[in-house]
Amino acid sequence: MKDGSFAGPQNWTSYKEYAYTFRPDFMKDRIVITEKFFNETKDGEVTLKFHFWGGDIVSYKISKSGAQVTGKAVTE
């Protein structure tokens, strides 16, 4: 969250549970963020960082307002 707190379920940690809050969709080359994540995310901006075994880190920023969620890739 913009205030430095952690978003989604298990909000005491920045690490989110694989398959519960996100999962890969290898056939479509994307990461799916589950409804369970959004159900427990407060309104506002959230920056997600996906860390991969190969060392890559991909950042994605979402903005949530009620049931409306928009997002964009973060390029540094």
N, C-alpha and C. Protein backbone atom coordinates (compact mmCIF):
# COMPACT_ATOMS: atom_id res chain seq x y z
N MET A 1 0.84 -1.16 0.00
CA MET A 1 0.00 0.00 0.00
C MET A 1 0.90 1.24 0.00
N LYS A 2 0.33 2.34 -0.42
CA LYS A 2 1.08 3.59 -0.48
C LYS A 2 1.60 4.01 0.90
N ASP A 3 0.91 3.60 1.96
CA ASP A 3 1.32 3.96 3.32
C ASP A 3 2.41 3.04 3.88
N GLY A 4 2.86 2.09 3.08
CA GLY A 4 3.92 1.18 3.51
C GLY A 4 3.42 -0.12 4.11
N SER A 5 2.12 -0.26 4.32
CA SER A 5 1.58 -1.51 4.85
C SER A 5 1.49 -2.54 3.72
N PHE A 6 1.24 -3.78 4.10
CA PHE A 6 1.17 -4.85 3.12
C PHE A 6 -0.27 -5.10 2.70
N ALA A 7 -0.48 -5.40 1.43
CA ALA A 7 -1.82 -5.59 0.88
C ALA A 7 -2.21 -7.06 0.86
N GLY A 8 -3.52 -7.29 0.80
CA GLY A 8 -4.04 -8.63 0.60
C GLY A 8 -4.05 -9.49 1.84
N PRO A 9 -4.39 -10.77 1.66
CA PRO A 9 -4.40 -11.72 2.78
C PRO A 9 -3.00 -11.84 3.39
N GLN A 10 -2.93 -12.31 4.59
CA GLN A 10 -1.66 -12.42 5.31
C GLN A 10 -0.94 -11.06 5.28
N ASN A 11 -1.65 -10.00 5.68
CA ASN A 11 -1.11 -8.65 5.55
C ASN A 11 -0.01 -8.32 6.56
N TRP A 12 0.44 -9.29 7.32
CA TRP A 12 1.56 -9.11 8.22
C TRP A 12 2.89 -9.37 7.51
N THR A 13 2.83 -9.84 6.25
CA THR A 13 4.04 -10.12 5.48
C THR A 13 3.88 -9.63 4.05
N SER A 14 5.00 -9.29 3.42
CA SER A 14 4.94 -8.85 2.02
C SER A 14 4.86 -10.05 1.07
N TYR A 15 5.17 -11.24 1.57
CA TYR A 15 5.14 -12.43 0.71
C TYR A 15 3.73 -13.02 0.70
N LYS A 16 3.21 -13.25 -0.49
CA LYS A 16 1.85 -13.75 -0.65
C LYS A 16 1.86 -15.23 -1.01
N GLU A 17 0.83 -15.92 -0.60
CA GLU A 17 0.74 -17.36 -0.79
C GLU A 17 0.49 -17.72 -2.25
N TYR A 18 1.42 -18.51 -2.78
CA TYR A 18 1.34 -19.00 -4.16
C TYR A 18 0.05 -19.78 -4.35
N ALA A 19 -0.64 -19.53 -5.45
CA ALA A 19 -1.89 -20.19 -5.85
C ALA A 19 -3.11 -19.68 -5.07
N TYR A 20 -2.91 -19.12 -3.88
CA TYR A 20 -4.03 -18.55 -3.13
C TYR A 20 -4.26 -17.10 -3.54
N THR A 21 -3.19 -16.33 -3.71
CA THR A 21 -3.32 -14.92 -4.08
C THR A 21 -2.86 -14.64 -5.51
N PHE A 22 -2.03 -15.49 -6.04
CA PHE A 22 -1.58 -15.34 -7.43
C PHE A 22 -1.15 -16.70 -7.97
N ARG A 23 -1.14 -16.80 -9.29
CA ARG A 23 -0.68 -18.05 -9.92
C ARG A 23 -0.22 -17.74 -11.34
N PRO A 24 0.71 -18.50 -11.84
CA PRO A 24 1.12 -18.30 -13.23
C PRO A 24 0.13 -18.94 -14.19
N ASP A 25 -0.01 -18.33 -15.33
CA ASP A 25 -0.76 -18.91 -16.45
C ASP A 25 0.26 -19.07 -17.57
N PHE A 26 0.92 -20.21 -17.59
CA PHE A 26 2.03 -20.43 -18.52
C PHE A 26 1.58 -20.40 -19.97
N MET A 27 0.37 -20.86 -20.24
CA MET A 27 -0.12 -20.89 -21.62
C MET A 27 -0.31 -19.48 -22.19
N LYS A 28 -0.63 -18.53 -21.33
CA LYS A 28 -0.87 -17.15 -21.79
C LYS A 28 0.27 -16.21 -21.38
N ASP A 29 1.34 -16.77 -20.77
CA ASP A 29 2.52 -16.00 -20.38
C ASP A 29 2.14 -14.79 -19.51
N ARG A 30 1.41 -15.07 -18.42
CA ARG A 30 0.98 -14.00 -17.53
C ARG A 30 0.86 -14.50 -16.10
N ILE A 31 0.70 -13.56 -15.19
CA ILE A 31 0.45 -13.88 -13.78
C ILE A 31 -0.98 -13.47 -13.48
N VAL A 32 -1.74 -14.37 -12.89
CA VAL A 32 -3.12 -14.09 -12.52
C VAL A 32 -3.17 -13.76 -11.03
N ILE A 33 -3.73 -12.62 -10.70
CA ILE A 33 -3.93 -12.24 -9.31
C ILE A 33 -5.37 -12.63 -8.96
N THR A 34 -5.53 -13.42 -7.92
CA THR A 34 -6.84 -14.01 -7.63
C THR A 34 -7.79 -13.03 -6.94
N GLU A 35 -9.06 -13.37 -6.99
CA GLU A 35 -10.09 -12.58 -6.32
C GLU A 35 -9.84 -12.54 -4.81
N LYS A 36 -9.27 -13.61 -4.26
CA LYS A 36 -8.98 -13.65 -2.82
C LYS A 36 -8.03 -12.53 -2.42
N PHE A 37 -7.09 -12.22 -3.29
CA PHE A 37 -6.17 -11.11 -3.02
C PHE A 37 -6.93 -9.79 -2.96
N PHE A 38 -7.75 -9.55 -3.97
CA PHE A 38 -8.47 -8.28 -4.05
C PHE A 38 -9.53 -8.13 -2.97
N ASN A 39 -10.12 -9.23 -2.53
CA ASN A 39 -11.13 -9.17 -1.47
C ASN A 39 -10.56 -8.63 -0.17
N GLU A 40 -9.27 -8.81 0.04
CA GLU A 40 -8.64 -8.37 1.28
C GLU A 40 -7.64 -7.23 1.06
N THR A 41 -7.78 -6.52 -0.04
CA THR A 41 -6.93 -5.36 -0.32
C THR A 41 -7.75 -4.09 -0.17
N LYS A 42 -7.22 -3.14 0.59
CA LYS A 42 -7.91 -1.86 0.79
C LYS A 42 -7.86 -1.04 -0.50
N ASP A 43 -8.78 -0.09 -0.62
CA ASP A 43 -8.75 0.83 -1.75
C ASP A 43 -7.47 1.66 -1.72
N GLY A 44 -6.95 1.95 -2.90
CA GLY A 44 -5.73 2.75 -3.02
C GLY A 44 -4.77 2.11 -4.00
N GLU A 45 -3.54 2.62 -4.01
CA GLU A 45 -2.50 2.09 -4.90
C GLU A 45 -1.67 1.04 -4.19
N VAL A 46 -1.32 0.01 -4.94
CA VAL A 46 -0.48 -1.08 -4.43
C VAL A 46 0.57 -1.38 -5.49
N THR A 47 1.82 -1.48 -5.08
CA THR A 47 2.87 -1.91 -6.00
C THR A 47 3.20 -3.36 -5.69
N LEU A 48 3.03 -4.22 -6.68
CA LEU A 48 3.34 -5.64 -6.54
C LEU A 48 4.72 -5.90 -7.13
N LYS A 49 5.51 -6.73 -6.46
CA LYS A 49 6.82 -7.12 -7.00
C LYS A 49 6.89 -8.64 -7.00
N PHE A 50 7.05 -9.18 -8.19
CA PHE A 50 7.16 -10.63 -8.36
C PHE A 50 8.63 -10.98 -8.52
N HIS A 51 9.15 -11.81 -7.61
CA HIS A 51 10.55 -12.23 -7.62
C HIS A 51 10.62 -13.63 -8.22
N PHE A 52 11.47 -13.80 -9.22
CA PHE A 52 11.61 -15.07 -9.92
C PHE A 52 12.93 -15.74 -9.56
N TRP A 53 12.93 -17.08 -9.61
CA TRP A 53 14.12 -17.85 -9.25
C TRP A 53 15.34 -17.42 -10.05
N GLY A 54 15.16 -17.00 -11.29
CA GLY A 54 16.28 -16.58 -12.13
C GLY A 54 16.87 -15.24 -11.73
N GLY A 55 16.25 -14.56 -10.75
CA GLY A 55 16.76 -13.28 -10.28
C GLY A 55 15.99 -12.07 -10.77
N ASP A 56 15.13 -12.26 -11.76
CA ASP A 56 14.34 -11.14 -12.27
C ASP A 56 13.29 -10.71 -11.24
N ILE A 57 13.01 -9.41 -11.22
CA ILE A 57 11.94 -8.85 -10.40
C ILE A 57 11.07 -8.02 -11.33
N VAL A 58 9.78 -8.32 -11.35
CA VAL A 58 8.82 -7.60 -12.19
C VAL A 58 7.89 -6.82 -11.27
N SER A 59 7.78 -5.52 -11.50
CA SER A 59 6.90 -4.66 -10.69
C SER A 59 5.65 -4.32 -11.47
N TYR A 60 4.54 -4.26 -10.75
CA TYR A 60 3.25 -3.95 -11.35
C TYR A 60 2.47 -3.11 -10.35
N LYS A 61 1.89 -2.01 -10.78
CA LYS A 61 1.14 -1.13 -9.89
C LYS A 61 -0.35 -1.27 -10.18
N ILE A 62 -1.12 -1.51 -9.12
CA ILE A 62 -2.58 -1.57 -9.26
C ILE A 62 -3.20 -0.43 -8.45
N SER A 63 -4.38 -0.04 -8.88
CA SER A 63 -5.17 0.94 -8.17
C SER A 63 -6.56 0.33 -7.98
N LYS A 64 -7.00 0.26 -6.72
CA LYS A 64 -8.29 -0.36 -6.40
C LYS A 64 -9.22 0.67 -5.80
N SER A 65 -10.44 0.69 -6.31
CA SER A 65 -11.50 1.54 -5.76
C SER A 65 -12.78 0.72 -5.79
N GLY A 66 -13.18 0.20 -4.63
CA GLY A 66 -14.34 -0.70 -4.56
C GLY A 66 -14.05 -1.96 -5.35
N ALA A 67 -14.91 -2.28 -6.31
CA ALA A 67 -14.71 -3.47 -7.15
C ALA A 67 -13.91 -3.16 -8.41
N GLN A 68 -13.58 -1.90 -8.63
CA GLN A 68 -12.83 -1.49 -9.83
C GLN A 68 -11.32 -1.58 -9.57
N VAL A 69 -10.62 -2.31 -10.42
CA VAL A 69 -9.17 -2.45 -10.31
C VAL A 69 -8.54 -2.17 -11.66
N THR A 70 -7.53 -1.31 -11.68
CA THR A 70 -6.76 -1.06 -12.89
C THR A 70 -5.30 -1.29 -12.56
N GLY A 71 -4.51 -1.55 -13.58
CA GLY A 71 -3.10 -1.80 -13.34
C GLY A 71 -2.23 -1.48 -14.52
N LYS A 72 -0.92 -1.33 -14.23
CA LYS A 72 0.04 -1.09 -15.30
C LYS A 72 1.41 -1.56 -14.84
N ALA A 73 2.21 -1.96 -15.82
CA ALA A 73 3.57 -2.39 -15.53
C ALA A 73 4.39 -1.18 -15.09
N VAL A 74 5.31 -1.41 -14.18
CA VAL A 74 6.22 -0.36 -13.72
C VAL A 74 7.56 -0.60 -14.40
N THR A 75 8.00 0.37 -15.16
CA THR A 75 9.31 0.27 -15.80
C THR A 75 10.23 1.28 -15.15
N GLU A 76 11.40 0.81 -14.76
CA GLU A 76 12.33 1.70 -14.05
C GLU A 76 13.47 2.09 -14.93
